[in-house]
Amino acid sequence: MALSSLQPLRRKNFALIWSAALVSNVGSWMQTVAVGALVTEATGKSTWTGIVAAAAFIPIGIFSPIGGALADRVDRRRYFIGTTIGETLFATLLAVAVATGNAEPWLVTVLVFCGGVLTALGIPAYQAIIPELVPKEELLAAMSLGAAQYNLGRVVGPALAGVAILVGSYQLAFAINAASFGAVIVALLLSHFADRPHPVEQTTLRLQIATGIRAAFKEPGCRLAIQLIAITALLISPFIALIPAVAINLFHEGARGTSVLVTAQGIGAVIGALSLTPLANRYGRRRVLVIDLTVVLPATIVLYYAAPTMWTAAVALVAVGAAYIGVLSGLIVVVQLRAPEAFRARILSIYMVALGVVYPIGAVLQGKLGDEFGLRGVAIVAAALFAAVIVLILGTRAERRAVLEQASTSELAPSVSPAIA
C-alpha cells in the first residue's frame, strides 16, 4: 500500500471526520446485524428479516434527493449535525424499546425506517462536504479511504455485535450504535470549513430538486457516471444481496458460509480502496476506472460464481470486493470533481438514487431468474452482458471516456435555471 492512499489523513479536518465516520459505521453494522437477529429470533420467519433490512435501505432511494436539495440550500455542516442527532434519537429509541420489552417486530421496523430516513437525508451533505476537506488531487484517495472505513466497519461491526449480544443483550448493541453517532457530532463541531455562501434560493424544494436533476444530466461527466452506476447496480451489484443464496443454495454452508463470504468481500473492498490511489497515480484515474469496468469487475464476478467450492469462491470474492470498490469510488469521484459546487449535493443524491433504486430491482430479478434457471448461469450471463454494454458505451467514443477524468469548467447555473443564483 503506497503512502499516497493515506495522504488525506494528514488533513486534520478530514482525519477527524473519517475517524468519526469509522466509529459510527461500526455501530451501524452492529445494529444491522443485531436487528436481523432480533426479529428472526422473535418471529422465526425470514420474511421479517427481509422487511427490516429493506426498511433501512429503501429510504435512500426515496429521500436522498430531498437531502441533496436541503444540503445545497443551507449550511452543510450544521445540517449534517442535525440529521446525525436525528439518527441518534431513533437508535436510542430502539435500545429503549428492547430494554423495556416492547421490541415488537413492527415497532423495530418503524424505528429502523425512521433512522434510515435521517441517514438518507444526511448522506448527500456528508458526500458534498468531502471536497471541502481535501485538495482536488487528493479527492480519489479521500473517497477510497471512505470506502475503506465503510468496509472496515462491515468487517468489525458484525463481530462486535456478536460479542455484545453474547455478553450483554440486544439493547447493548443498539446502545453502542446510538453512542457512536456522538463521534460524528463531535468531529463536525471540532472541524473548520472554508466559508461558503449560502444564498437563499427563491424556489420551492420541488423545483430545487428538479433543477438538480437537470444539472446532473446536463453535465456530461455526471450524466455518464450516473448511467454507469445504474448499469452496475442492475447487473453486478446484486452479488451482495445474493451472498446468502450462494452460501446456502450453491455450497450448502448456511450461516457459516454467509459469514465467510461477507467477510471476504469486506476484506477485498478494504484492499481495493487502499490500492486504488497508487494505481491511479501510476496509470491514470480514467484508465484504471475503464479497465475495472470493462474487464476486471465482470471477470472477477464470473470467477466467483463459477468457483467449485466455498473457499475458492471466498478468494474470488476478495477480488470482486476490490474491483467493485474501485468502480464505486472511481465513479463518485467523477461526480465530485465535475458537479458544480452549487449543485453538488443534489447531483450526488441523484447518483445515490440511481444506485439505491436500481440495486434492489436487480437483486430481485437475478434472484427470481436464478430460482428458475440456476443462479450461477444467470449471474455469469449478467456479468457478460455488463461487459458488453460498458464496452459499447465507453469503447465507441473517445470524448465520452475523456469526461471520466477531466474536471468540469462550467458552473451550469445560467443554463439550468434562471431561478438559481
Protein backbone atom coordinates (compact mmCIF):
# COMPACT_ATOMS: atom_id res chain seq x y z
CA MET A 1 0.00 0.00 0.00
CA ALA A 2 1.55 3.31 -1.09
CA LEU A 3 1.57 6.29 1.23
CA SER A 4 -0.44 8.22 -1.38
CA SER A 5 -3.51 6.29 -0.24
CA LEU A 6 -3.17 7.83 3.23
CA GLN A 7 -2.33 11.43 2.28
CA PRO A 8 -5.80 12.83 3.09
CA LEU A 9 -5.39 11.66 6.69
CA ARG A 10 -2.74 14.34 7.10
CA ARG A 11 -5.55 16.90 6.77
CA LYS A 12 -6.87 17.49 10.27
CA ASN A 13 -10.50 18.06 9.28
CA PHE A 14 -10.63 15.01 7.04
CA ALA A 15 -8.90 12.81 9.63
CA LEU A 16 -11.39 13.90 12.30
CA ILE A 17 -14.46 13.20 10.20
CA TRP A 18 -13.05 9.99 8.70
CA SER A 19 -12.24 8.57 12.14
CA ALA A 20 -15.65 9.55 13.48
CA ALA A 21 -17.37 8.02 10.45
CA LEU A 22 -15.49 4.77 11.09
CA VAL A 23 -16.71 4.67 14.70
CA SER A 24 -20.27 5.41 13.61
CA ASN A 25 -20.14 2.89 10.79
CA VAL A 26 -19.03 0.12 13.15
CA GLY A 27 -22.01 0.97 15.33
CA SER A 28 -24.36 0.96 12.34
CA TRP A 29 -23.19 -2.50 11.29
CA MET A 30 -23.65 -3.70 14.86
CA GLN A 31 -27.26 -2.52 14.71
CA THR A 32 -27.84 -4.05 11.26
CA VAL A 33 -26.71 -7.48 12.40
CA ALA A 34 -28.46 -7.27 15.79
CA VAL A 35 -31.77 -6.11 14.27
CA GLY A 36 -31.80 -9.00 11.83
CA ALA A 37 -31.05 -11.50 14.57
CA LEU A 38 -33.62 -9.93 16.92
CA VAL A 39 -36.59 -10.08 14.53
CA THR A 40 -35.62 -13.54 13.26
CA GLU A 41 -35.40 -14.87 16.81
CA ALA A 42 -38.69 -13.22 17.78
CA THR A 43 -40.71 -14.38 14.76
CA GLY A 44 -38.90 -17.40 13.40
CA LYS A 45 -39.60 -16.04 9.91
CA SER A 46 -37.03 -14.91 7.38
CA THR A 47 -39.68 -12.63 5.86
CA TRP A 48 -39.33 -10.23 8.79
CA THR A 49 -35.55 -10.28 8.33
CA GLY A 50 -36.03 -9.08 4.76
CA ILE A 51 -38.60 -6.48 5.77
CA VAL A 52 -36.42 -4.89 8.44
CA ALA A 53 -33.42 -4.88 6.08
CA ALA A 54 -35.49 -3.18 3.38
CA ALA A 55 -36.72 -0.62 5.93
CA ALA A 56 -33.15 0.59 6.39
CA PHE A 57 -32.31 0.65 2.68
CA ILE A 58 -35.45 1.91 0.91
CA PRO A 59 -35.26 5.48 2.31
CA ILE A 60 -32.03 6.08 0.39
CA GLY A 61 -33.89 5.79 -2.90
CA ILE A 62 -36.76 8.00 -1.72
CA PHE A 63 -35.33 10.73 0.48
CA SER A 64 -31.79 11.30 -0.89
CA PRO A 65 -32.97 13.93 -3.43
CA ILE A 66 -34.64 15.88 -0.63
CA GLY A 67 -31.46 15.66 1.41
CA GLY A 68 -29.42 16.82 -1.56
CA ALA A 69 -31.67 19.84 -2.14
CA LEU A 70 -31.56 20.81 1.53
CA ALA A 71 -27.78 20.37 1.72
CA ASP A 72 -27.36 22.76 -1.22
CA ARG A 73 -29.74 25.23 0.43
CA VAL A 74 -28.27 25.55 3.94
CA ASP A 75 -25.00 25.28 5.83
CA ARG A 76 -23.97 21.67 5.19
CA ARG A 77 -22.12 21.13 8.45
CA ARG A 78 -25.00 22.32 10.63
CA TYR A 79 -27.47 20.40 8.53
CA PHE A 80 -25.41 17.18 8.81
CA ILE A 81 -25.15 17.64 12.58
CA GLY A 82 -28.95 17.89 12.68
CA THR A 83 -29.52 14.68 10.71
CA THR A 84 -26.95 12.87 12.84
CA ILE A 85 -28.76 13.93 16.01
CA GLY A 86 -31.94 12.53 14.47
CA GLU A 87 -30.21 9.20 13.79
CA THR A 88 -29.02 9.16 17.39
CA LEU A 89 -32.58 9.68 18.61
CA PHE A 90 -34.03 6.72 16.72
CA ALA A 91 -31.11 4.46 17.64
CA THR A 92 -31.72 5.39 21.29
CA LEU A 93 -35.45 4.70 20.98
CA LEU A 94 -34.64 1.27 19.55
CA ALA A 95 -32.39 0.47 22.51
CA VAL A 96 -35.07 1.66 24.94
CA ALA A 97 -37.76 -0.39 23.19
CA VAL A 98 -35.69 -3.55 23.53
CA ALA A 99 -34.67 -2.80 27.13
CA THR A 100 -38.32 -2.31 28.16
CA GLY A 101 -39.56 -5.44 26.41
CA ASN A 102 -41.51 -3.52 23.75
CA ALA A 103 -39.48 -4.56 20.70
CA GLU A 104 -42.35 -5.82 18.58
CA PRO A 105 -41.18 -6.53 15.01
CA TRP A 106 -43.42 -3.80 13.58
CA LEU A 107 -42.03 -1.22 16.03
CA VAL A 108 -38.44 -2.26 15.32
CA THR A 109 -39.16 -1.89 11.59
CA VAL A 110 -40.66 1.58 12.05
CA LEU A 111 -37.71 2.78 14.13
CA VAL A 112 -35.21 1.35 11.64
CA PHE A 113 -37.10 3.02 8.78
CA CYS A 114 -37.13 6.39 10.55
CA GLY A 115 -33.41 6.11 11.22
CA GLY A 116 -32.92 5.22 7.56
CA VAL A 117 -34.79 8.36 6.53
CA LEU A 118 -32.40 10.52 8.57
CA THR A 119 -29.45 8.65 7.06
CA ALA A 120 -30.77 9.25 3.54
CA LEU A 121 -31.29 12.94 4.27
CA GLY A 122 -27.76 13.31 5.65
CA ILE A 123 -25.68 11.30 3.17
CA PRO A 124 -25.67 13.95 0.38
CA ALA A 125 -24.40 16.55 2.83
CA TYR A 126 -21.64 14.22 4.01
CA GLN A 127 -20.56 13.43 0.45
CA ALA A 128 -20.67 17.10 -0.56
CA ILE A 129 -18.52 18.08 2.43
CA ILE A 130 -15.59 15.82 1.43
CA PRO A 131 -14.27 18.08 -1.39
CA GLU A 132 -14.13 20.90 1.16
CA LEU A 133 -11.73 18.86 3.32
CA VAL A 134 -9.01 17.90 0.81
CA PRO A 135 -7.46 19.38 -2.34
CA LYS A 136 -8.73 18.04 -5.67
CA GLU A 137 -5.62 15.95 -6.30
CA GLU A 138 -6.33 14.00 -3.09
CA LEU A 139 -10.06 13.52 -3.68
CA LEU A 140 -9.73 9.99 -5.12
CA ALA A 141 -7.64 8.96 -2.11
CA ALA A 142 -10.20 10.55 0.21
CA MET A 143 -13.11 8.69 -1.40
CA SER A 144 -11.09 5.46 -1.37
CA LEU A 145 -10.39 5.90 2.34
CA GLY A 146 -14.10 6.49 2.82
CA ALA A 147 -14.82 3.19 1.11
CA ALA A 148 -12.14 1.53 3.24
CA GLN A 149 -13.64 2.77 6.50
CA TYR A 150 -17.12 1.64 5.40
CA ASN A 151 -15.85 -1.87 4.74
CA LEU A 152 -13.73 -1.95 7.89
CA GLY A 153 -17.00 -1.27 9.68
CA ARG A 154 -18.57 -4.10 7.72
CA VAL A 155 -15.87 -6.48 8.96
CA VAL A 156 -15.60 -5.26 12.56
CA GLY A 157 -19.23 -4.31 13.29
CA PRO A 158 -20.84 -7.77 12.90
CA ALA A 159 -18.13 -9.35 15.06
CA LEU A 160 -18.64 -6.77 17.81
CA ALA A 161 -22.40 -7.22 17.56
CA GLY A 162 -21.96 -10.91 18.26
CA VAL A 163 -19.80 -10.15 21.30
CA ALA A 164 -22.25 -7.51 22.59
CA ILE A 165 -25.20 -9.88 22.27
CA LEU A 166 -23.25 -12.71 23.88
CA VAL A 167 -22.01 -10.77 26.93
CA GLY A 168 -24.98 -8.45 27.28
CA SER A 169 -28.09 -8.28 25.17
CA TYR A 170 -29.52 -6.78 22.01
CA GLN A 171 -30.04 -3.43 23.68
CA LEU A 172 -26.29 -3.22 24.36
CA ALA A 173 -25.58 -3.42 20.63
CA PHE A 174 -28.21 -0.76 19.93
CA ALA A 175 -26.95 1.47 22.73
CA ILE A 176 -23.39 1.29 21.36
CA ASN A 177 -24.71 2.32 17.94
CA ALA A 178 -26.56 5.29 19.45
CA ALA A 179 -23.41 6.39 21.28
CA SER A 180 -21.29 6.00 18.13
CA PHE A 181 -23.12 8.89 16.43
CA GLY A 182 -21.65 11.18 19.08
CA ALA A 183 -18.24 10.77 17.46
CA VAL A 184 -19.55 12.30 14.23
CA ILE A 185 -21.17 15.23 16.03
CA VAL A 186 -18.00 15.98 17.99
CA ALA A 187 -15.82 15.73 14.86
CA LEU A 188 -18.06 18.14 12.95
CA LEU A 189 -18.01 20.62 15.84
CA LEU A 190 -14.20 20.47 16.02
CA SER A 191 -13.65 20.76 12.25
CA HIS A 192 -13.13 24.04 10.43
CA PHE A 193 -14.51 24.68 6.97
CA ALA A 194 -13.94 27.46 4.48
CA ASP A 195 -16.77 29.96 4.35
CA ARG A 196 -19.25 29.02 1.64
CA PRO A 197 -22.00 31.39 0.52
CA HIS A 198 -25.49 30.08 1.19
CA PRO A 199 -27.82 32.26 -0.90
CA VAL A 200 -31.49 31.67 -0.22
CA GLU A 201 -32.92 30.34 -3.46
CA GLN A 202 -36.32 31.80 -4.31
CA THR A 203 -37.71 28.43 -5.31
CA THR A 204 -39.71 25.62 -3.79
CA LEU A 205 -37.94 22.48 -2.64
CA ARG A 206 -39.58 20.56 -5.51
CA LEU A 207 -38.21 22.99 -8.08
CA GLN A 208 -34.80 22.87 -6.45
CA ILE A 209 -34.77 19.06 -6.76
CA ALA A 210 -35.87 19.37 -10.39
CA THR A 211 -33.06 21.81 -11.20
CA GLY A 212 -30.62 19.42 -9.54
CA ILE A 213 -31.83 16.58 -11.76
CA ARG A 214 -31.46 18.76 -14.85
CA ALA A 215 -27.98 19.81 -13.75
CA ALA A 216 -26.98 16.17 -13.22
CA PHE A 217 -28.00 15.16 -16.74
CA LYS A 218 -26.76 18.32 -18.45
CA GLU A 219 -23.19 17.91 -17.17
CA PRO A 220 -21.71 15.13 -19.37
CA GLY A 221 -19.39 13.59 -16.78
CA CYS A 222 -22.07 13.44 -14.10
CA ARG A 223 -24.60 12.06 -16.60
CA LEU A 224 -22.20 9.31 -17.69
CA ALA A 225 -21.27 8.40 -14.10
CA ILE A 226 -24.96 8.10 -13.15
CA GLN A 227 -25.65 5.93 -16.20
CA LEU A 228 -22.69 3.67 -15.43
CA ILE A 229 -23.59 3.25 -11.76
CA ALA A 230 -27.17 2.37 -12.72
CA ILE A 231 -25.95 -0.33 -15.12
CA THR A 232 -23.57 -1.62 -12.45
CA ALA A 233 -26.35 -1.67 -9.87
CA LEU A 234 -28.64 -3.65 -12.16
CA LEU A 235 -26.21 -6.28 -13.45
CA ILE A 236 -23.33 -6.51 -10.93
CA SER A 237 -24.36 -5.17 -7.51
CA PRO A 238 -26.91 -7.96 -6.85
CA PHE A 239 -23.99 -10.22 -5.91
CA ILE A 240 -24.11 -8.51 -2.49
CA ALA A 241 -27.75 -9.38 -1.79
CA LEU A 242 -27.29 -12.89 -3.19
CA ILE A 243 -24.33 -13.86 -0.98
CA PRO A 244 -26.60 -15.87 1.39
CA ALA A 245 -28.15 -17.65 -1.62
CA VAL A 246 -24.69 -18.57 -2.90
CA ALA A 247 -23.59 -19.86 0.51
CA ILE A 248 -26.77 -21.82 1.21
CA ASN A 249 -28.03 -22.93 -2.20
CA LEU A 250 -24.75 -23.47 -4.02
CA PHE A 251 -22.42 -24.58 -1.25
CA HIS A 252 -24.88 -25.72 1.47
CA GLU A 253 -22.90 -23.85 4.13
CA GLY A 254 -25.68 -21.83 5.81
CA ALA A 255 -24.82 -19.05 8.22
CA ARG A 256 -21.15 -20.05 8.41
CA GLY A 257 -20.74 -19.77 4.67
CA THR A 258 -22.56 -16.45 4.57
CA SER A 259 -20.26 -15.06 7.26
CA VAL A 260 -17.15 -16.24 5.40
CA LEU A 261 -18.27 -14.70 2.11
CA VAL A 262 -19.39 -11.40 3.64
CA THR A 263 -16.04 -11.10 5.41
CA ALA A 264 -14.17 -11.94 2.19
CA GLN A 265 -15.98 -9.19 0.34
CA GLY A 266 -15.21 -6.70 3.10
CA ILE A 267 -11.52 -7.62 3.13
CA GLY A 268 -11.34 -7.28 -0.64
CA ALA A 269 -13.04 -3.90 -0.51
CA VAL A 270 -10.52 -2.58 2.02
CA ILE A 271 -7.62 -3.86 -0.10
CA GLY A 272 -9.12 -2.34 -3.23
CA ALA A 273 -9.81 1.00 -1.59
CA LEU A 274 -6.24 1.34 -0.35
CA SER A 275 -4.75 0.18 -3.68
CA LEU A 276 -6.82 2.46 -5.88
CA THR A 277 -4.91 5.71 -5.43
CA PRO A 278 -1.43 4.23 -6.13
CA LEU A 279 -2.81 2.55 -9.26
CA ALA A 280 -4.46 5.78 -10.41
CA ASN A 281 -1.28 7.75 -9.78
CA ARG A 282 0.72 5.30 -11.86
CA TYR A 283 -1.65 4.52 -14.73
CA GLY A 284 -4.16 7.37 -14.66
CA ARG A 285 -7.52 7.57 -12.92
CA ARG A 286 -9.56 7.21 -16.10
CA ARG A 287 -7.59 4.23 -17.42
CA VAL A 288 -7.89 2.37 -14.11
CA LEU A 289 -11.64 3.01 -13.98
CA VAL A 290 -12.26 1.96 -17.59
CA ILE A 291 -10.25 -1.26 -17.24
CA ASP A 292 -12.01 -2.05 -13.97
CA LEU A 293 -15.42 -1.55 -15.59
CA THR A 294 -14.78 -3.37 -18.84
CA VAL A 295 -12.54 -6.25 -17.71
CA VAL A 296 -11.70 -6.69 -14.04
CA LEU A 297 -15.11 -6.41 -12.39
CA PRO A 298 -17.06 -8.66 -14.79
CA ALA A 299 -14.19 -11.18 -14.92
CA THR A 300 -13.97 -11.50 -11.14
CA ILE A 301 -17.76 -11.89 -10.90
CA VAL A 302 -17.56 -14.80 -13.35
CA LEU A 303 -14.75 -16.39 -11.33
CA TYR A 304 -16.78 -16.00 -8.14
CA TYR A 305 -19.95 -17.64 -9.46
CA ALA A 306 -18.01 -20.35 -11.31
CA ALA A 307 -15.98 -21.32 -8.21
CA PRO A 308 -16.37 -25.02 -7.36
CA THR A 309 -16.07 -24.66 -3.57
CA MET A 310 -16.96 -22.09 -0.95
CA TRP A 311 -13.33 -21.35 -0.16
CA THR A 312 -12.39 -20.73 -3.80
CA ALA A 313 -15.50 -18.56 -4.02
CA ALA A 314 -14.28 -16.63 -0.96
CA VAL A 315 -10.90 -16.00 -2.62
CA ALA A 316 -12.65 -14.83 -5.78
CA LEU A 317 -14.94 -12.61 -3.71
CA VAL A 318 -11.92 -10.82 -2.26
CA ALA A 319 -11.08 -9.85 -5.84
CA VAL A 320 -14.70 -8.90 -6.54
CA GLY A 321 -14.77 -6.69 -3.45
CA ALA A 322 -11.60 -4.89 -4.55
CA ALA A 323 -12.83 -4.37 -8.12
CA TYR A 324 -16.31 -3.29 -7.04
CA ILE A 325 -14.99 -0.63 -4.66
CA GLY A 326 -12.73 0.61 -7.44
CA VAL A 327 -15.77 1.22 -9.64
CA LEU A 328 -17.86 2.84 -6.91
CA SER A 329 -15.03 5.10 -5.75
CA GLY A 330 -13.97 5.99 -9.28
CA LEU A 331 -17.46 6.95 -10.43
CA ILE A 332 -18.33 9.02 -7.37
CA VAL A 333 -15.07 10.94 -7.75
CA VAL A 334 -16.14 11.81 -11.31
CA VAL A 335 -19.32 13.31 -9.86
CA GLN A 336 -17.42 15.07 -7.06
CA LEU A 337 -14.99 16.71 -9.47
CA ARG A 338 -17.43 17.64 -12.22
CA ALA A 339 -20.55 18.66 -10.29
CA PRO A 340 -20.81 22.46 -9.95
CA GLU A 341 -20.46 23.42 -6.29
CA ALA A 342 -23.93 24.96 -6.11
CA PHE A 343 -25.48 21.67 -7.28
CA ARG A 344 -23.04 19.18 -5.79
CA ALA A 345 -25.20 17.69 -3.04
CA ARG A 346 -28.22 17.40 -5.33
CA ILE A 347 -26.25 15.71 -8.09
CA LEU A 348 -24.70 13.32 -5.58
CA SER A 349 -28.19 12.47 -4.33
CA ILE A 350 -29.25 11.56 -7.89
CA TYR A 351 -26.20 9.32 -8.14
CA MET A 352 -27.21 7.60 -4.89
CA VAL A 353 -30.80 7.20 -6.10
CA ALA A 354 -29.53 5.50 -9.26
CA LEU A 355 -27.62 3.04 -7.09
CA GLY A 356 -30.20 2.70 -4.32
CA VAL A 357 -33.26 2.17 -6.53
CA VAL A 358 -31.78 0.04 -9.30
CA TYR A 359 -29.80 -2.28 -6.99
CA PRO A 360 -32.82 -3.90 -5.25
CA ILE A 361 -34.55 -4.25 -8.63
CA GLY A 362 -31.52 -6.08 -9.98
CA ALA A 363 -31.30 -8.24 -6.87
CA VAL A 364 -34.95 -9.31 -7.15
CA LEU A 365 -34.64 -10.02 -10.88
CA GLN A 366 -31.43 -12.02 -10.57
CA GLY A 367 -32.79 -13.90 -7.57
CA LYS A 368 -36.02 -14.78 -9.38
CA LEU A 369 -34.26 -15.77 -12.60
CA GLY A 370 -31.71 -17.70 -10.54
CA ASP A 371 -34.51 -19.76 -8.99
CA GLU A 372 -35.86 -20.52 -12.47
CA PHE A 373 -32.70 -21.12 -14.47
CA GLY A 374 -29.87 -21.50 -11.95
CA LEU A 375 -28.09 -18.75 -10.07
CA ARG A 376 -24.64 -19.46 -11.49
CA GLY A 377 -25.74 -19.22 -15.10
CA VAL A 378 -27.89 -16.13 -14.59
CA ALA A 379 -25.15 -14.19 -12.76
CA ILE A 380 -22.49 -15.14 -15.33
CA VAL A 381 -24.74 -14.04 -18.20
CA ALA A 382 -25.42 -10.77 -16.35
CA ALA A 383 -21.67 -10.17 -15.98
CA ALA A 384 -21.09 -10.85 -19.68
CA LEU A 385 -23.96 -8.51 -20.60
CA PHE A 386 -22.50 -5.87 -18.30
CA ALA A 387 -19.09 -6.08 -20.02
CA ALA A 388 -20.70 -5.83 -23.46
CA VAL A 389 -22.82 -2.81 -22.54
CA ILE A 390 -19.90 -0.99 -20.91
CA VAL A 391 -17.65 -1.63 -23.92
CA LEU A 392 -20.42 -0.32 -26.18
CA ILE A 393 -20.78 2.85 -24.10
CA LEU A 394 -17.11 3.60 -23.45
CA GLY A 395 -15.43 1.98 -26.44
CA THR A 396 -17.19 3.82 -29.23
CA ARG A 397 -16.36 7.45 -28.43
CA ALA A 398 -13.08 8.76 -27.02
CA GLU A 399 -14.68 12.03 -25.88
CA ARG A 400 -17.09 10.05 -23.73
CA ARG A 401 -14.21 8.36 -21.93
CA ALA A 402 -12.45 11.70 -21.54
CA VAL A 403 -15.15 13.15 -19.28
CA LEU A 404 -14.36 10.48 -16.70
CA GLU A 405 -11.13 12.30 -15.91
CA GLN A 406 -11.47 15.93 -16.86
CA ALA A 407 -12.79 18.36 -14.28
CA SER A 408 -15.77 20.47 -15.25
CA THR A 409 -15.11 24.04 -16.31
CA SER A 410 -18.75 25.15 -16.29
CA GLU A 411 -20.89 26.11 -13.34
CA LEU A 412 -24.04 25.33 -15.38
CA ALA A 413 -26.21 27.71 -13.38
CA PRO A 414 -27.38 30.04 -16.16
CA SER A 415 -28.28 27.16 -18.49
CA VAL A 416 -30.02 25.06 -15.85
CA SER A 417 -32.48 27.52 -14.42
CA PRO A 418 -32.70 31.30 -14.27
CA ALA A 419 -34.07 30.96 -10.73
CA ILE A 420 -30.75 29.69 -9.45
CA ALA A 421 -28.45 32.43 -8.20
